[in-house]
N, C-alpha and C. Protein backbone atom coordinates (compact mmCIF):
# COMPACT_ATOMS: atom_id res chain seq x y z
N MET A 1 11.11 -2.38 -7.98
CA MET A 1 10.12 -1.42 -7.49
C MET A 1 10.78 -0.06 -7.31
N MET A 2 10.13 0.96 -7.80
CA MET A 2 10.68 2.31 -7.68
C MET A 2 10.51 2.81 -6.25
N ASP A 3 11.52 3.52 -5.76
CA ASP A 3 11.40 4.09 -4.43
C ASP A 3 10.29 5.12 -4.41
N LYS A 4 9.57 5.12 -3.32
CA LYS A 4 8.48 6.09 -3.20
C LYS A 4 9.04 7.49 -3.03
N GLU A 5 8.19 8.45 -3.33
CA GLU A 5 8.60 9.85 -3.24
C GLU A 5 8.62 10.36 -1.81
N ILE A 6 9.36 11.44 -1.65
CA ILE A 6 9.36 12.19 -0.40
C ILE A 6 8.67 13.50 -0.73
N LEU A 7 7.66 13.87 0.04
CA LEU A 7 6.97 15.14 -0.19
C LEU A 7 7.54 16.17 0.76
N LEU A 8 8.15 17.21 0.20
CA LEU A 8 8.69 18.32 1.00
C LEU A 8 7.74 19.50 0.87
N VAL A 9 7.19 19.93 2.01
CA VAL A 9 6.27 21.07 2.03
C VAL A 9 7.03 22.23 2.65
N GLU A 10 7.53 23.11 1.79
CA GLU A 10 8.46 24.16 2.23
C GLU A 10 8.31 25.38 1.32
N ASP A 11 8.13 26.55 1.93
CA ASP A 11 7.95 27.75 1.12
C ASP A 11 9.22 28.57 0.93
N ASN A 12 10.31 28.21 1.62
CA ASN A 12 11.55 28.96 1.50
C ASN A 12 12.45 28.28 0.46
N PRO A 13 12.69 28.95 -0.69
CA PRO A 13 13.49 28.34 -1.75
C PRO A 13 14.90 27.94 -1.29
N ASP A 14 15.49 28.70 -0.37
CA ASP A 14 16.82 28.36 0.15
C ASP A 14 16.76 27.05 0.93
N ASP A 15 15.73 26.87 1.73
CA ASP A 15 15.58 25.62 2.49
C ASP A 15 15.30 24.43 1.57
N VAL A 16 14.55 24.69 0.49
CA VAL A 16 14.30 23.63 -0.48
C VAL A 16 15.62 23.18 -1.09
N GLU A 17 16.44 24.14 -1.51
CA GLU A 17 17.73 23.82 -2.13
C GLU A 17 18.65 23.11 -1.14
N LEU A 18 18.69 23.60 0.10
CA LEU A 18 19.50 22.94 1.13
C LEU A 18 19.05 21.50 1.35
N THR A 19 17.75 21.29 1.35
CA THR A 19 17.22 19.94 1.55
C THR A 19 17.61 19.04 0.38
N ARG A 20 17.50 19.56 -0.85
CA ARG A 20 17.92 18.79 -2.04
C ARG A 20 19.40 18.37 -1.91
N ILE A 21 20.24 19.34 -1.57
CA ILE A 21 21.68 19.07 -1.43
C ILE A 21 21.91 18.06 -0.32
N ALA A 22 21.23 18.26 0.80
CA ALA A 22 21.40 17.36 1.95
C ALA A 22 20.99 15.93 1.59
N PHE A 23 19.90 15.76 0.85
CA PHE A 23 19.49 14.42 0.44
C PHE A 23 20.51 13.81 -0.52
N ARG A 24 21.05 14.64 -1.42
CA ARG A 24 22.08 14.15 -2.33
C ARG A 24 23.31 13.69 -1.54
N GLU A 25 23.76 14.54 -0.60
CA GLU A 25 24.93 14.21 0.24
C GLU A 25 24.67 12.96 1.07
N ALA A 26 23.43 12.80 1.52
CA ALA A 26 23.07 11.65 2.37
C ALA A 26 22.80 10.40 1.52
N LYS A 27 22.91 10.55 0.20
CA LYS A 27 22.69 9.45 -0.75
C LYS A 27 21.27 8.86 -0.66
N VAL A 28 20.31 9.75 -0.42
CA VAL A 28 18.91 9.34 -0.41
C VAL A 28 18.41 9.51 -1.85
N ALA A 29 18.08 8.39 -2.49
CA ALA A 29 17.76 8.40 -3.92
C ALA A 29 16.29 8.69 -4.23
N ASN A 30 15.45 8.66 -3.22
CA ASN A 30 14.02 8.88 -3.46
C ASN A 30 13.79 10.23 -4.12
N ASN A 31 12.83 10.27 -5.02
CA ASN A 31 12.47 11.52 -5.69
C ASN A 31 11.88 12.49 -4.68
N LEU A 32 12.35 13.73 -4.70
CA LEU A 32 11.85 14.76 -3.79
C LEU A 32 10.83 15.61 -4.54
N VAL A 33 9.58 15.53 -4.10
CA VAL A 33 8.51 16.35 -4.68
C VAL A 33 8.35 17.55 -3.76
N VAL A 34 8.41 18.75 -4.34
CA VAL A 34 8.35 19.97 -3.52
C VAL A 34 7.06 20.72 -3.81
N VAL A 35 6.34 21.05 -2.75
CA VAL A 35 5.19 21.95 -2.86
C VAL A 35 5.46 23.12 -1.93
N ASN A 36 4.95 24.30 -2.30
CA ASN A 36 5.36 25.53 -1.63
C ASN A 36 4.40 26.08 -0.59
N ASP A 37 3.25 25.46 -0.43
CA ASP A 37 2.34 25.92 0.62
C ASP A 37 1.42 24.77 1.05
N GLY A 38 0.73 25.00 2.14
CA GLY A 38 -0.12 23.94 2.69
C GLY A 38 -1.27 23.53 1.79
N ALA A 39 -1.84 24.49 1.08
CA ALA A 39 -2.95 24.17 0.18
C ALA A 39 -2.48 23.24 -0.94
N GLU A 40 -1.30 23.53 -1.49
CA GLU A 40 -0.74 22.70 -2.56
C GLU A 40 -0.41 21.30 -2.02
N ALA A 41 0.07 21.23 -0.77
CA ALA A 41 0.38 19.93 -0.16
C ALA A 41 -0.88 19.07 -0.08
N LEU A 42 -1.98 19.66 0.36
CA LEU A 42 -3.23 18.91 0.48
C LEU A 42 -3.76 18.52 -0.89
N ASP A 43 -3.64 19.41 -1.88
CA ASP A 43 -4.06 19.07 -3.25
C ASP A 43 -3.25 17.88 -3.76
N TYR A 44 -1.93 17.88 -3.49
CA TYR A 44 -1.07 16.79 -3.93
C TYR A 44 -1.49 15.48 -3.25
N LEU A 45 -1.61 15.51 -1.94
CA LEU A 45 -1.91 14.28 -1.19
C LEU A 45 -3.28 13.70 -1.53
N PHE A 46 -4.25 14.58 -1.76
CA PHE A 46 -5.61 14.11 -2.01
C PHE A 46 -5.98 14.15 -3.51
N ALA A 47 -4.96 14.35 -4.37
CA ALA A 47 -5.12 14.33 -5.84
C ALA A 47 -6.29 15.20 -6.30
N ARG A 48 -6.18 16.48 -6.00
CA ARG A 48 -7.22 17.42 -6.43
C ARG A 48 -6.54 18.69 -6.96
N GLY A 49 -7.34 19.61 -7.48
CA GLY A 49 -6.77 20.85 -8.02
C GLY A 49 -5.78 20.55 -9.12
N ALA A 50 -4.59 21.16 -9.05
CA ALA A 50 -3.54 20.97 -10.07
C ALA A 50 -3.07 19.52 -10.14
N TYR A 51 -3.35 18.74 -9.09
CA TYR A 51 -2.89 17.34 -9.04
C TYR A 51 -4.03 16.34 -9.23
N ALA A 52 -5.12 16.81 -9.82
CA ALA A 52 -6.31 15.96 -10.00
C ALA A 52 -6.01 14.72 -10.84
N GLY A 53 -5.02 14.76 -11.72
CA GLY A 53 -4.70 13.62 -12.57
C GLY A 53 -3.81 12.59 -11.90
N ARG A 54 -3.32 12.92 -10.71
CA ARG A 54 -2.41 12.03 -9.99
C ARG A 54 -3.19 10.87 -9.35
N ASN A 55 -2.56 9.72 -9.22
CA ASN A 55 -3.20 8.58 -8.57
C ASN A 55 -3.21 8.84 -7.05
N ALA A 56 -4.38 9.02 -6.49
CA ALA A 56 -4.52 9.34 -5.06
C ALA A 56 -4.03 8.22 -4.15
N ASP A 57 -3.93 7.00 -4.69
CA ASP A 57 -3.45 5.88 -3.88
C ASP A 57 -1.92 5.85 -3.79
N ASP A 58 -1.27 6.62 -4.64
CA ASP A 58 0.18 6.63 -4.69
C ASP A 58 0.71 7.70 -3.73
N LEU A 59 0.76 7.35 -2.46
CA LEU A 59 1.19 8.31 -1.44
C LEU A 59 2.71 8.31 -1.30
N PRO A 60 3.27 9.43 -0.88
CA PRO A 60 4.72 9.47 -0.65
C PRO A 60 5.09 8.57 0.53
N SER A 61 6.38 8.22 0.64
CA SER A 61 6.79 7.40 1.78
C SER A 61 6.84 8.24 3.05
N ILE A 62 7.04 9.54 2.89
CA ILE A 62 7.12 10.43 4.05
C ILE A 62 6.80 11.85 3.61
N VAL A 63 6.26 12.63 4.55
CA VAL A 63 6.02 14.05 4.32
C VAL A 63 6.93 14.82 5.26
N LEU A 64 7.75 15.70 4.70
CA LEU A 64 8.57 16.62 5.49
C LEU A 64 7.83 17.94 5.46
N LEU A 65 7.39 18.39 6.62
CA LEU A 65 6.43 19.49 6.70
C LEU A 65 6.97 20.66 7.50
N ASP A 66 7.03 21.82 6.86
CA ASP A 66 7.34 23.05 7.58
C ASP A 66 6.05 23.49 8.27
N LEU A 67 6.17 24.17 9.40
CA LEU A 67 4.95 24.60 10.10
C LEU A 67 4.42 25.93 9.58
N ASN A 68 5.31 26.87 9.34
CA ASN A 68 4.89 28.22 8.97
C ASN A 68 4.84 28.35 7.45
N LEU A 69 3.64 28.08 6.94
CA LEU A 69 3.43 28.06 5.50
C LEU A 69 2.35 29.06 5.09
N PRO A 70 2.43 29.56 3.85
CA PRO A 70 1.34 30.40 3.35
C PRO A 70 0.09 29.58 3.04
N LYS A 71 -1.03 30.25 2.93
CA LYS A 71 -2.35 29.69 2.61
C LYS A 71 -2.90 28.78 3.70
N VAL A 72 -2.34 27.59 3.86
CA VAL A 72 -2.76 26.66 4.91
C VAL A 72 -1.51 26.32 5.69
N ASP A 73 -1.51 26.58 7.00
CA ASP A 73 -0.26 26.35 7.73
C ASP A 73 -0.04 24.86 8.03
N GLY A 74 1.17 24.54 8.46
CA GLY A 74 1.57 23.15 8.65
C GLY A 74 0.70 22.39 9.63
N ARG A 75 0.23 23.08 10.67
CA ARG A 75 -0.62 22.42 11.66
C ARG A 75 -1.94 21.96 11.02
N GLU A 76 -2.49 22.81 10.16
CA GLU A 76 -3.74 22.47 9.48
C GLU A 76 -3.52 21.32 8.48
N VAL A 77 -2.35 21.32 7.82
CA VAL A 77 -2.02 20.23 6.89
C VAL A 77 -1.96 18.92 7.67
N LEU A 78 -1.26 18.95 8.80
CA LEU A 78 -1.13 17.76 9.64
C LEU A 78 -2.50 17.27 10.11
N GLN A 79 -3.34 18.21 10.52
CA GLN A 79 -4.69 17.86 10.96
C GLN A 79 -5.47 17.17 9.84
N ALA A 80 -5.38 17.70 8.63
CA ALA A 80 -6.10 17.11 7.48
C ALA A 80 -5.55 15.72 7.15
N ILE A 81 -4.23 15.55 7.25
CA ILE A 81 -3.62 14.25 6.97
C ILE A 81 -4.13 13.22 7.98
N ARG A 82 -4.16 13.58 9.25
CA ARG A 82 -4.59 12.64 10.29
C ARG A 82 -6.10 12.42 10.30
N ALA A 83 -6.85 13.35 9.74
CA ALA A 83 -8.32 13.23 9.74
C ALA A 83 -8.81 12.28 8.64
N SER A 84 -7.98 12.02 7.63
CA SER A 84 -8.41 11.18 6.52
C SER A 84 -7.94 9.74 6.71
N GLU A 85 -8.86 8.81 6.50
CA GLU A 85 -8.55 7.38 6.60
C GLU A 85 -7.39 7.02 5.67
N LYS A 86 -7.40 7.61 4.49
CA LYS A 86 -6.42 7.31 3.45
C LYS A 86 -4.99 7.70 3.85
N THR A 87 -4.84 8.82 4.56
CA THR A 87 -3.50 9.35 4.86
C THR A 87 -3.14 9.28 6.34
N ARG A 88 -4.03 8.75 7.14
CA ARG A 88 -3.86 8.77 8.60
C ARG A 88 -2.52 8.18 9.06
N SER A 89 -2.06 7.10 8.44
CA SER A 89 -0.83 6.45 8.90
C SER A 89 0.42 6.90 8.13
N LEU A 90 0.27 7.91 7.27
CA LEU A 90 1.40 8.44 6.52
C LEU A 90 2.41 9.09 7.47
N PRO A 91 3.69 8.68 7.41
CA PRO A 91 4.68 9.30 8.31
C PRO A 91 4.88 10.79 7.97
N VAL A 92 4.76 11.63 8.99
CA VAL A 92 4.96 13.07 8.82
C VAL A 92 6.02 13.52 9.80
N VAL A 93 7.05 14.18 9.26
CA VAL A 93 8.11 14.73 10.08
C VAL A 93 8.07 16.25 9.92
N VAL A 94 7.88 16.94 11.03
CA VAL A 94 7.94 18.40 10.99
C VAL A 94 9.41 18.79 10.96
N LEU A 95 9.75 19.61 9.99
CA LEU A 95 11.10 20.11 9.80
C LEU A 95 10.97 21.62 9.79
N THR A 96 11.30 22.25 10.91
CA THR A 96 11.01 23.68 11.05
C THR A 96 12.10 24.38 11.86
N THR A 97 12.13 25.69 11.77
CA THR A 97 13.10 26.46 12.56
C THR A 97 12.58 26.72 13.98
N SER A 98 11.30 26.49 14.19
CA SER A 98 10.70 26.81 15.49
C SER A 98 11.11 25.84 16.60
N THR A 99 11.49 26.41 17.73
CA THR A 99 11.75 25.58 18.92
C THR A 99 10.75 25.94 20.01
N GLU A 100 9.70 26.65 19.64
CA GLU A 100 8.68 27.03 20.61
C GLU A 100 8.05 25.77 21.20
N PRO A 101 8.06 25.64 22.52
CA PRO A 101 7.43 24.46 23.14
C PRO A 101 5.99 24.25 22.67
N PHE A 102 5.28 25.36 22.43
CA PHE A 102 3.89 25.24 21.97
C PHE A 102 3.83 24.52 20.62
N ASP A 103 4.73 24.87 19.70
CA ASP A 103 4.74 24.24 18.37
C ASP A 103 5.06 22.75 18.47
N VAL A 104 6.02 22.42 19.33
CA VAL A 104 6.39 21.02 19.52
C VAL A 104 5.20 20.24 20.08
N GLU A 105 4.61 20.75 21.15
CA GLU A 105 3.46 20.08 21.78
C GLU A 105 2.28 19.97 20.84
N ALA A 106 1.97 21.07 20.15
CA ALA A 106 0.83 21.07 19.23
C ALA A 106 1.04 20.06 18.11
N SER A 107 2.26 19.97 17.60
CA SER A 107 2.56 19.03 16.51
C SER A 107 2.34 17.60 16.96
N TYR A 108 2.86 17.26 18.15
CA TYR A 108 2.66 15.89 18.65
C TYR A 108 1.19 15.63 18.97
N ALA A 109 0.50 16.62 19.49
CA ALA A 109 -0.93 16.46 19.79
C ALA A 109 -1.72 16.19 18.51
N LEU A 110 -1.26 16.75 17.40
CA LEU A 110 -1.93 16.56 16.11
C LEU A 110 -1.48 15.27 15.40
N GLY A 111 -0.52 14.56 15.99
CA GLY A 111 -0.14 13.26 15.44
C GLY A 111 1.11 13.21 14.58
N VAL A 112 2.00 14.19 14.72
CA VAL A 112 3.25 14.14 13.95
C VAL A 112 4.09 12.96 14.44
N ASN A 113 4.86 12.35 13.54
CA ASN A 113 5.71 11.22 13.93
C ASN A 113 7.02 11.67 14.54
N SER A 114 7.51 12.82 14.08
CA SER A 114 8.78 13.31 14.58
C SER A 114 8.84 14.82 14.37
N TYR A 115 9.57 15.50 15.25
CA TYR A 115 9.69 16.96 15.17
C TYR A 115 11.18 17.28 15.18
N ILE A 116 11.66 17.86 14.09
CA ILE A 116 13.08 18.17 13.98
C ILE A 116 13.25 19.66 13.72
N GLN A 117 14.07 20.28 14.56
CA GLN A 117 14.38 21.68 14.32
C GLN A 117 15.45 21.73 13.23
N LYS A 118 15.23 22.60 12.23
CA LYS A 118 16.22 22.73 11.16
C LYS A 118 17.50 23.29 11.76
N PRO A 119 18.59 22.54 11.68
CA PRO A 119 19.86 23.11 12.16
C PRO A 119 20.28 24.25 11.24
N VAL A 120 20.85 25.26 11.82
CA VAL A 120 21.33 26.40 11.04
C VAL A 120 22.61 25.99 10.30
N ASP A 121 23.39 25.13 10.94
CA ASP A 121 24.65 24.67 10.38
C ASP A 121 24.40 23.58 9.33
N PHE A 122 24.96 23.74 8.12
CA PHE A 122 24.68 22.82 7.02
C PHE A 122 25.10 21.38 7.32
N GLU A 123 26.25 21.19 7.92
CA GLU A 123 26.72 19.83 8.23
C GLU A 123 25.74 19.11 9.15
N ARG A 124 25.22 19.83 10.14
CA ARG A 124 24.22 19.24 11.04
C ARG A 124 22.93 18.95 10.29
N PHE A 125 22.59 19.82 9.34
CA PHE A 125 21.38 19.62 8.56
C PHE A 125 21.51 18.35 7.71
N VAL A 126 22.67 18.17 7.06
CA VAL A 126 22.90 16.96 6.27
C VAL A 126 22.79 15.74 7.17
N TRP A 127 23.39 15.82 8.36
CA TRP A 127 23.33 14.70 9.31
C TRP A 127 21.86 14.39 9.67
N ALA A 128 21.08 15.44 9.96
CA ALA A 128 19.66 15.25 10.32
C ALA A 128 18.90 14.59 9.17
N VAL A 129 19.16 15.04 7.94
CA VAL A 129 18.49 14.47 6.78
C VAL A 129 18.89 13.00 6.59
N GLN A 130 20.17 12.69 6.84
CA GLN A 130 20.63 11.29 6.76
C GLN A 130 19.86 10.43 7.74
N GLN A 131 19.69 10.94 8.96
CA GLN A 131 18.97 10.17 9.98
C GLN A 131 17.52 9.96 9.58
N VAL A 132 16.88 11.02 9.05
CA VAL A 132 15.49 10.91 8.59
C VAL A 132 15.42 9.86 7.48
N GLY A 133 16.34 9.95 6.51
CA GLY A 133 16.35 9.00 5.40
C GLY A 133 16.58 7.58 5.87
N LEU A 134 17.55 7.40 6.76
CA LEU A 134 17.87 6.06 7.26
C LEU A 134 16.69 5.46 8.01
N TYR A 135 16.11 6.24 8.91
CA TYR A 135 15.02 5.69 9.71
C TYR A 135 13.75 5.47 8.89
N TRP A 136 13.24 6.55 8.29
CA TRP A 136 11.93 6.46 7.65
C TRP A 136 11.93 5.73 6.33
N LEU A 137 13.06 5.75 5.61
CA LEU A 137 13.06 5.14 4.28
C LEU A 137 13.72 3.77 4.25
N VAL A 138 14.53 3.44 5.27
CA VAL A 138 15.23 2.15 5.27
C VAL A 138 14.77 1.26 6.42
N LEU A 139 14.82 1.76 7.65
CA LEU A 139 14.56 0.92 8.81
C LEU A 139 13.09 0.74 9.16
N ASN A 140 12.31 1.80 9.02
CA ASN A 140 10.91 1.76 9.40
C ASN A 140 10.10 0.84 8.48
N HIS A 141 9.24 0.02 9.08
CA HIS A 141 8.32 -0.82 8.29
C HIS A 141 6.95 -0.18 8.35
N PRO A 142 6.55 0.48 7.28
CA PRO A 142 5.25 1.16 7.32
C PRO A 142 4.10 0.19 7.38
N ARG A 143 3.01 0.67 7.89
CA ARG A 143 1.79 -0.11 7.94
C ARG A 143 1.31 -0.34 6.52
N GLU A 144 0.90 -1.55 6.23
CA GLU A 144 0.39 -1.85 4.89
C GLU A 144 -0.99 -1.23 4.73
N THR A 145 -1.20 -0.55 3.62
CA THR A 145 -2.51 0.04 3.37
C THR A 145 -3.29 -0.91 2.47
N GLY A 146 -4.54 -1.04 2.77
CA GLY A 146 -5.39 -1.94 1.99
C GLY A 146 -5.55 -1.48 0.56
N ALA A 147 -5.44 -2.40 -0.37
CA ALA A 147 -5.55 -2.03 -1.79
C ALA A 147 -6.96 -2.18 -2.27
């Protein structure tokens, strides 16, 4: 069985590249699908727009979500994910530079599974990505979705 994809919703190309490197260093083999804004993330997840040909039942194993995104912000993406029966139990980890208590509280209120501040230091970032990979992709037993 092929490992499921990881959906990275990130508009900063430097952060995308750092995440790719961090996953490589952490030996996380899952394919990293990158979308650059909230609208594209929702199109991908719900198989519409540019992703209309994608199988909507083939959800990623986890969504890594930045909060401050163009078009549709991360909070709205999270709200849409939790509002749909199809994606409600999809693990979502906010990966953002914000440490604002409001952002943390709002994210948990909207149903995020985990909130991680992006470390500025690369070694800490690799460590954080390893922990995300280990927990969500290896240890966690996701809820089975009805076929």
